[in-house]
């Protein structure tokens, strides 16, 4: 290569470096935005060549504009969205608008442009106080709307005279707690409090349950029916009024205890009690006093004097459906042999 050619290449490289170095930009985003309210990001660029600019869409936001410039990529199983726009040379003005969909902190990543870097920006998402503890708000992110003791998914554990419904053991104001021997189904279940509610009940919470119909009055309660079913089991809502259902074994020892809420002062209610093969009787109490009790076998055809077995449902005491099937098959076989011999003699 001739010396003159080398000099020209060096001069071109220096010129390109000067051009890149002359790129100027500003990026403006509010430091604080509000949940569900639109905000804007503006980028002003000058002294650049015609090119394109690409920015990853942050988590916790929905793009309002420009939607047509948004595309997505699959990155390690996650859908990641980007905004890519072509910009003319010399000067460009870009404006994007977003709506935050969750409380927290939004991170706008740094953007590379012709050997220059537009710095990253963090934006805080706060709640606009309206006196209602709404979706996505909690004591930590919106204390004005969600004071201590609110049902907001956060156990604050603060002594304020209110039992936080999100706590199972860490609120000093709660009378009932995980470990007291009774499954408080407003907030305890087989997963977060197995010591009160028993072990895991399956991925979809489908299990054997006693369906108990109770006619409850101010003076007492009457157990109308008990049926053993296999169906989804759901926890109760927050308990303001409740009955305690205890399953007892042959020796009258407690097998399990469940605190069940009811909406009205009287009426007929259906309660679901997780099945236990050890239980032979049911006891219902209110305010520490027993108001009804019965043997499970008195109602449930699946129960004998010693235990209940859903596999024998409908078969009657002591026989399973399989045994009845075998007996019926034997009878049909014997009848067939009898008829065959009769026709043979004829």
Protein backbone atom coordinates (compact mmCIF):
# COMPACT_ATOMS: atom_id res chain seq x y z
CA UNK A 1 0.00 0.00 0.00
CA UNK A 2 1.30 3.43 -0.96
CA UNK A 3 2.07 5.98 1.77
CA UNK A 4 -0.55 8.37 0.41
CA UNK A 5 -3.26 5.69 0.66
CA UNK A 6 -2.31 4.95 4.26
CA UNK A 7 -2.52 8.65 5.11
CA UNK A 8 -5.98 8.90 3.52
CA UNK A 9 -7.29 5.90 5.50
CA UNK A 10 -5.98 7.37 8.74
CA UNK A 11 -7.57 10.73 7.97
CA UNK A 12 -10.92 9.05 7.23
CA UNK A 13 -10.77 7.14 10.52
CA UNK A 14 -9.97 10.33 12.40
CA UNK A 15 -12.86 12.06 10.66
CA UNK A 16 -15.23 9.28 11.64
CA UNK A 17 -14.05 9.49 15.25
CA UNK A 18 -14.61 13.24 15.28
CA UNK A 19 -18.11 12.70 13.83
CA UNK A 20 -18.95 10.12 16.53
CA UNK A 21 -17.47 12.32 19.22
CA UNK A 22 -19.69 15.18 18.08
CA UNK A 23 -22.91 13.22 18.71
CA UNK A 24 -24.92 14.94 21.42
CA UNK A 25 -28.03 13.68 23.17
CA UNK A 26 -30.44 14.28 26.02
CA UNK A 27 -32.78 11.78 27.66
CA UNK A 28 -35.63 12.99 29.84
CA UNK A 29 -37.84 10.72 32.00
CA UNK A 30 -39.69 11.71 35.19
CA UNK A 31 -37.99 10.45 38.36
CA UNK A 32 -41.37 9.44 39.82
CA UNK A 33 -44.47 8.22 37.99
CA UNK A 34 -47.83 6.89 39.18
CA UNK A 35 -49.43 3.50 38.78
CA UNK A 36 -51.79 3.38 35.79
CA UNK A 37 -50.93 6.92 34.62
CA UNK A 38 -49.20 7.62 31.32
CA UNK A 39 -45.72 9.19 31.27
CA UNK A 40 -43.22 10.08 28.53
CA UNK A 41 -39.61 9.46 27.66
CA UNK A 42 -38.01 11.96 25.25
CA UNK A 43 -34.66 11.53 23.51
CA UNK A 44 -33.05 14.34 21.48
CA UNK A 45 -30.02 13.42 19.35
CA UNK A 46 -27.87 15.68 17.15
CA UNK A 47 -24.64 15.42 15.16
CA UNK A 48 -25.17 11.81 14.13
CA UNK A 49 -25.42 9.86 10.89
CA UNK A 50 -28.63 8.23 9.69
CA UNK A 51 -29.09 5.06 11.71
CA UNK A 52 -31.53 3.19 13.91
CA UNK A 53 -31.92 3.24 17.65
CA UNK A 54 -33.04 0.25 19.71
CA UNK A 55 -34.25 0.16 23.33
CA UNK A 56 -35.48 -2.75 25.44
CA UNK A 57 -38.94 -2.11 26.89
CA UNK A 58 -38.58 -2.16 30.69
CA UNK A 59 -40.50 -4.57 32.87
CA UNK A 60 -43.58 -3.19 34.67
CA UNK A 61 -44.75 -0.98 31.79
CA UNK A 62 -47.09 -1.18 28.79
CA UNK A 63 -46.11 0.71 25.63
CA UNK A 64 -48.64 3.33 24.53
CA UNK A 65 -46.60 4.88 21.71
CA UNK A 66 -45.01 3.97 19.32
CA UNK A 67 -46.73 0.55 19.31
CA UNK A 68 -45.84 -0.04 15.66
CA UNK A 69 -42.12 0.03 16.51
CA UNK A 70 -42.41 -2.71 19.15
CA UNK A 71 -41.19 -6.25 18.45
CA UNK A 72 -40.46 -9.20 20.72
CA UNK A 73 -37.77 -11.82 21.04
CA UNK A 74 -37.64 -15.09 22.96
CA UNK A 75 -34.71 -14.97 25.35
CA UNK A 76 -34.18 -18.14 27.41
CA UNK A 77 -37.91 -18.81 27.42
CA UNK A 78 -38.89 -15.22 28.28
CA UNK A 79 -40.66 -12.83 25.94
CA UNK A 80 -38.63 -9.62 25.82
CA UNK A 81 -39.97 -6.57 23.98
CA UNK A 82 -37.91 -3.92 22.14
CA UNK A 83 -38.57 -0.59 20.46
CA UNK A 84 -36.59 -0.04 17.24
CA UNK A 85 -36.84 3.19 15.25
CA UNK A 86 -34.97 4.60 12.25
CA UNK A 87 -33.68 8.13 12.77
CA UNK A 88 -32.45 10.59 10.13
CA UNK A 89 -29.03 12.16 10.28
CA UNK A 90 -28.05 15.49 11.87
CA UNK A 91 -30.93 15.78 14.39
CA UNK A 92 -33.73 13.58 15.72
CA UNK A 93 -36.46 13.91 18.32
CA UNK A 94 -37.98 10.74 19.76
CA UNK A 95 -40.91 10.54 22.15
CA UNK A 96 -42.18 7.33 23.74
CA UNK A 97 -45.08 6.98 26.18
CA UNK A 98 -45.71 4.21 28.70
CA UNK A 99 -48.15 3.23 31.43
CA UNK A 100 -46.76 1.49 34.55
CA UNK A 101 -48.71 -1.68 35.38
CA UNK A 102 -47.17 -2.41 38.79
CA UNK A 103 -45.62 -0.59 41.71
CA UNK A 104 -41.87 -0.71 42.15
CA UNK A 105 -38.87 0.59 40.19
CA UNK A 106 -38.63 0.76 36.39
CA UNK A 107 -35.16 0.44 34.88
CA UNK A 108 -34.58 2.03 31.47
CA UNK A 109 -31.39 0.47 30.14
CA UNK A 110 -28.51 2.39 28.57
CA UNK A 111 -28.72 2.82 24.77
CA UNK A 112 -25.68 2.53 22.48
CA UNK A 113 -25.58 4.91 19.52
CA UNK A 114 -22.60 5.32 17.14
CA UNK A 115 -19.92 4.67 19.72
CA UNK A 116 -21.77 6.75 22.32
CA UNK A 117 -23.88 5.58 25.28
CA UNK A 118 -27.11 7.18 26.46
CA UNK A 119 -27.05 6.53 30.24
CA UNK A 120 -29.56 4.28 32.00
CA UNK A 121 -32.35 5.80 34.10
CA UNK A 122 -34.35 4.43 37.06
CA UNK A 123 -37.92 5.55 37.64
CA UNK A 124 -39.95 4.99 40.82
CA UNK A 125 -43.60 3.94 40.48
CA UNK A 126 -45.81 5.16 43.31
CA UNK A 127 -49.54 4.94 43.99
CA UNK A 128 -51.87 7.88 43.61
CA UNK A 129 -53.61 7.84 46.99
CA UNK A 130 -57.39 7.51 46.72
CA UNK A 131 -58.19 5.95 50.08
CA UNK A 132 -58.64 2.45 48.60
CA UNK A 133 -56.09 -0.34 48.93
CA UNK A 134 -56.29 -1.53 45.33
CA UNK A 135 -54.57 -4.22 43.23
CA UNK A 136 -50.78 -3.96 43.29
CA UNK A 137 -50.80 -1.73 46.39
CA UNK A 138 -49.62 -2.77 49.83
CA UNK A 139 -48.35 -1.37 53.10
CA UNK A 140 -44.82 -0.95 51.73
CA UNK A 141 -45.67 0.66 48.39
CA UNK A 142 -48.78 2.65 49.31
CA UNK A 143 -49.10 3.09 53.08
CA UNK A 144 -51.67 5.90 52.73
CA UNK A 145 -54.14 3.54 51.06
CA UNK A 146 -52.97 0.35 52.79
CA UNK A 147 -52.30 1.08 56.47
CA UNK A 148 -51.03 -1.55 58.87
CA UNK A 149 -53.30 -4.58 59.20
CA UNK A 150 -54.70 -4.28 55.66
CA UNK A 151 -55.44 -7.34 53.51
CA UNK A 152 -52.73 -6.49 50.99
CA UNK A 153 -50.60 -9.61 50.73
CA UNK A 154 -48.04 -8.24 53.22
CA UNK A 155 -47.77 -9.41 56.81
CA UNK A 156 -46.49 -6.25 58.48
CA UNK A 157 -46.43 -7.79 61.99
CA UNK A 158 -47.04 -4.42 63.63
CA UNK A 159 -48.94 -4.23 66.93
CA UNK A 160 -51.82 -1.93 66.03
CA UNK A 161 -54.86 -3.62 67.57
CA UNK A 162 -55.78 -5.26 64.23
CA UNK A 163 -55.10 -8.87 63.29
CA UNK A 164 -53.47 -8.73 59.88
CA UNK A 165 -55.29 -11.27 57.69
CA UNK A 166 -52.05 -11.84 55.76
CA UNK A 167 -50.24 -13.15 58.86
CA UNK A 168 -50.35 -16.72 60.07
CA UNK A 169 -47.95 -16.43 63.01
CA UNK A 170 -46.13 -13.08 63.12
CA UNK A 171 -48.81 -10.58 64.18
CA UNK A 172 -49.07 -9.99 67.96
CA UNK A 173 -52.68 -8.84 67.52
CA UNK A 174 -53.93 -12.18 66.17
CA UNK A 175 -55.82 -14.45 68.55
CA UNK A 176 -55.46 -17.45 66.24
CA UNK A 177 -52.13 -18.37 64.70
CA UNK A 178 -50.31 -21.16 62.91
CA UNK A 179 -49.44 -23.77 65.50
CA UNK A 180 -52.52 -23.37 67.74
CA UNK A 181 -53.85 -26.77 66.70
CA UNK A 182 -56.77 -25.54 64.57
CA UNK A 183 -56.64 -24.88 60.82
CA UNK A 184 -57.89 -21.29 60.42
CA UNK A 185 -58.95 -21.53 56.79
CA UNK A 186 -59.17 -17.78 56.24
CA UNK A 187 -55.36 -17.79 55.91
CA UNK A 188 -53.95 -21.19 56.81
CA UNK A 189 -53.84 -24.20 54.51
CA UNK A 190 -52.00 -27.48 53.96
CA UNK A 191 -49.09 -25.65 52.35
CA UNK A 192 -48.32 -22.68 54.60
CA UNK A 193 -49.33 -24.32 57.90
CA UNK A 194 -49.13 -28.13 57.70
CA UNK A 195 -48.83 -28.39 61.51
CA UNK A 196 -52.47 -27.25 61.82
CA UNK A 197 -53.92 -28.28 58.46
CA UNK A 198 -52.04 -31.48 57.60
CA UNK A 199 -49.71 -32.22 54.71
CA UNK A 200 -49.95 -31.33 51.02
CA UNK A 201 -53.30 -31.99 49.35
CA UNK A 202 -52.23 -32.23 45.71
CA UNK A 203 -51.27 -29.85 42.93
CA UNK A 204 -54.84 -28.82 42.13
CA UNK A 205 -56.25 -29.16 45.65
CA UNK A 206 -58.58 -31.98 44.58
CA UNK A 207 -59.03 -34.44 47.40
CA UNK A 208 -61.54 -36.46 49.38
CA UNK A 209 -63.78 -34.25 51.49
CA UNK A 210 -66.69 -34.65 53.86
CA UNK A 211 -69.52 -32.47 52.57
CA UNK A 212 -71.43 -31.58 55.74
CA UNK A 213 -74.86 -29.88 55.61
CA UNK A 214 -75.60 -28.07 58.86
CA UNK A 215 -78.79 -26.30 59.91
CA UNK A 216 -77.45 -23.67 62.29
CA UNK A 217 -79.64 -21.62 64.65
CA UNK A 218 -78.84 -19.26 67.51
CA UNK A 219 -79.75 -21.99 70.01
CA UNK A 220 -77.74 -24.78 68.42
CA UNK A 221 -77.07 -26.76 65.27
CA UNK A 222 -78.36 -29.89 63.56
CA UNK A 223 -76.26 -31.98 61.20
CA UNK A 224 -78.59 -32.76 58.28
CA UNK A 225 -76.31 -34.89 56.11
CA UNK A 226 -72.71 -35.97 55.56
CA UNK A 227 -71.43 -37.20 52.20
CA UNK A 228 -67.93 -38.26 51.23
CA UNK A 229 -66.89 -36.72 47.89
CA UNK A 230 -63.82 -36.34 45.70
CA UNK A 231 -63.74 -32.76 44.43
CA UNK A 232 -61.85 -29.45 44.58
CA UNK A 233 -61.30 -28.09 48.06
CA UNK A 234 -61.12 -24.33 48.58
CA UNK A 235 -60.19 -22.28 51.62
CA UNK A 236 -62.64 -19.91 53.26
CA UNK A 237 -62.60 -16.12 53.12
CA UNK A 238 -61.83 -13.95 56.14
CA UNK A 239 -63.61 -15.28 59.22
CA UNK A 240 -65.82 -12.95 61.23
CA UNK A 241 -68.20 -15.67 62.42
CA UNK A 242 -67.06 -19.25 62.59
CA UNK A 243 -67.74 -22.76 63.77
CA UNK A 244 -65.05 -25.25 64.73
CA UNK A 245 -65.32 -28.71 63.15
CA UNK A 246 -63.35 -31.47 64.88
CA UNK A 247 -62.79 -34.95 63.50
CA UNK A 248 -62.36 -37.54 66.26
CA UNK A 249 -61.07 -41.10 66.24
CA UNK A 250 -62.50 -44.15 68.08
CA UNK A 251 -60.94 -43.01 71.34
CA UNK A 252 -62.48 -39.49 70.98
CA UNK A 253 -59.01 -38.10 70.28
CA UNK A 254 -58.79 -35.14 67.89
CA UNK A 255 -57.64 -36.13 64.40
CA UNK A 256 -58.02 -32.68 62.84
CA UNK A 257 -59.72 -29.37 63.58
CA UNK A 258 -60.98 -26.76 61.10
CA UNK A 259 -62.28 -23.25 61.72
CA UNK A 260 -65.06 -22.54 59.19
CA UNK A 261 -66.68 -19.19 58.49
CA UNK A 262 -70.37 -18.62 57.81
CA UNK A 263 -72.11 -15.50 56.55
CA UNK A 264 -75.44 -15.31 58.41
CA UNK A 265 -76.56 -15.73 62.01
CA UNK A 266 -78.74 -18.72 61.09
CA UNK A 267 -79.66 -20.92 58.15
CA UNK A 268 -78.43 -23.96 56.25
CA UNK A 269 -74.78 -24.15 55.23
CA UNK A 270 -72.52 -26.61 53.42
CA UNK A 271 -69.03 -27.11 54.81
CA UNK A 272 -66.18 -29.10 53.32
CA UNK A 273 -63.92 -30.98 55.69
CA UNK A 274 -60.81 -32.78 54.34
CA UNK A 275 -61.22 -36.54 54.60
CA UNK A 276 -59.30 -38.55 57.21
CA UNK A 277 -59.32 -42.37 57.29
CA UNK A 278 -58.86 -42.27 61.09
CA UNK A 279 -61.97 -40.18 61.83
CA UNK A 280 -65.17 -41.88 62.99
CA UNK A 281 -67.11 -38.94 64.43
CA UNK A 282 -67.61 -35.22 63.91
CA UNK A 283 -68.03 -32.54 66.55
CA UNK A 284 -69.11 -28.93 65.94
CA UNK A 285 -68.49 -26.17 68.47
CA UNK A 286 -69.12 -22.43 68.70
CA UNK A 287 -67.44 -20.10 71.16
CA UNK A 288 -65.81 -23.11 72.82
CA UNK A 289 -69.11 -24.99 73.38
CA UNK A 290 -70.13 -28.18 71.55
CA UNK A 291 -73.39 -27.54 69.68
CA UNK A 292 -73.64 -30.74 67.59
CA UNK A 293 -71.90 -34.09 67.21
CA UNK A 294 -72.50 -37.31 65.31
CA UNK A 295 -70.96 -40.56 64.16
CA UNK A 296 -69.83 -40.32 60.56
CA UNK A 297 -71.26 -43.79 59.94
CA UNK A 298 -74.73 -42.51 60.87
CA UNK A 299 -74.86 -40.54 57.63
CA UNK A 300 -72.08 -41.60 55.30
CA UNK A 301 -72.67 -44.94 53.57
CA UNK A 302 -68.91 -45.02 53.00
CA UNK A 303 -68.28 -45.27 56.75
CA UNK A 304 -68.33 -48.32 58.98
CA UNK A 305 -68.04 -48.29 62.75
CA UNK A 306 -64.27 -47.99 62.61
CA UNK A 307 -63.37 -45.90 59.53
CA UNK A 308 -64.54 -44.33 56.27
CA UNK A 309 -63.28 -45.37 52.85
CA UNK A 310 -64.24 -43.47 49.74
CA UNK A 311 -63.14 -46.42 47.58
CA UNK A 312 -66.13 -48.37 48.95
CA UNK A 313 -68.63 -45.62 48.24
CA UNK A 314 -72.08 -46.95 47.45
CA UNK A 315 -71.14 -50.55 48.24
CA UNK A 316 -72.51 -50.71 51.77
CA UNK A 317 -70.61 -51.71 54.92
CA UNK A 318 -68.02 -54.42 54.55
CA UNK A 319 -68.22 -54.84 50.75
CA UNK A 320 -66.52 -52.98 47.95
CA UNK A 321 -67.79 -52.62 44.41
CA UNK A 322 -65.09 -55.03 43.31
CA UNK A 323 -66.39 -57.78 45.62
CA UNK A 324 -69.95 -57.34 44.36
CA UNK A 325 -68.66 -57.60 40.80
CA UNK A 326 -66.87 -60.88 41.55
CA UNK A 327 -69.96 -62.37 43.23
CA UNK A 328 -72.18 -61.36 40.33
CA UNK A 329 -69.73 -62.91 37.85
CA UNK A 330 -69.72 -66.21 39.80
CA UNK A 331 -73.52 -66.28 39.92
CA UNK A 332 -73.81 -65.67 36.18
CA UNK A 333 -71.26 -68.40 35.52
CA UNK A 334 -73.09 -70.95 37.68
CA UNK A 335 -76.39 -70.08 36.02
CA UNK A 336 -74.78 -70.56 32.60
CA UNK A 337 -73.46 -74.01 33.57
CA UNK A 338 -76.88 -75.03 34.93
CA UNK A 339 -78.65 -74.00 31.72
CA UNK A 340 -76.05 -75.73 29.53
CA UNK A 341 -76.51 -79.04 31.39
CA UNK A 342 -80.28 -78.71 31.24
CA UNK A 343 -80.34 -78.24 27.46
CA UNK A 344 -77.76 -81.04 26.99
CA UNK A 345 -80.00 -83.56 28.78
CA UNK A 346 -82.94 -82.41 26.74
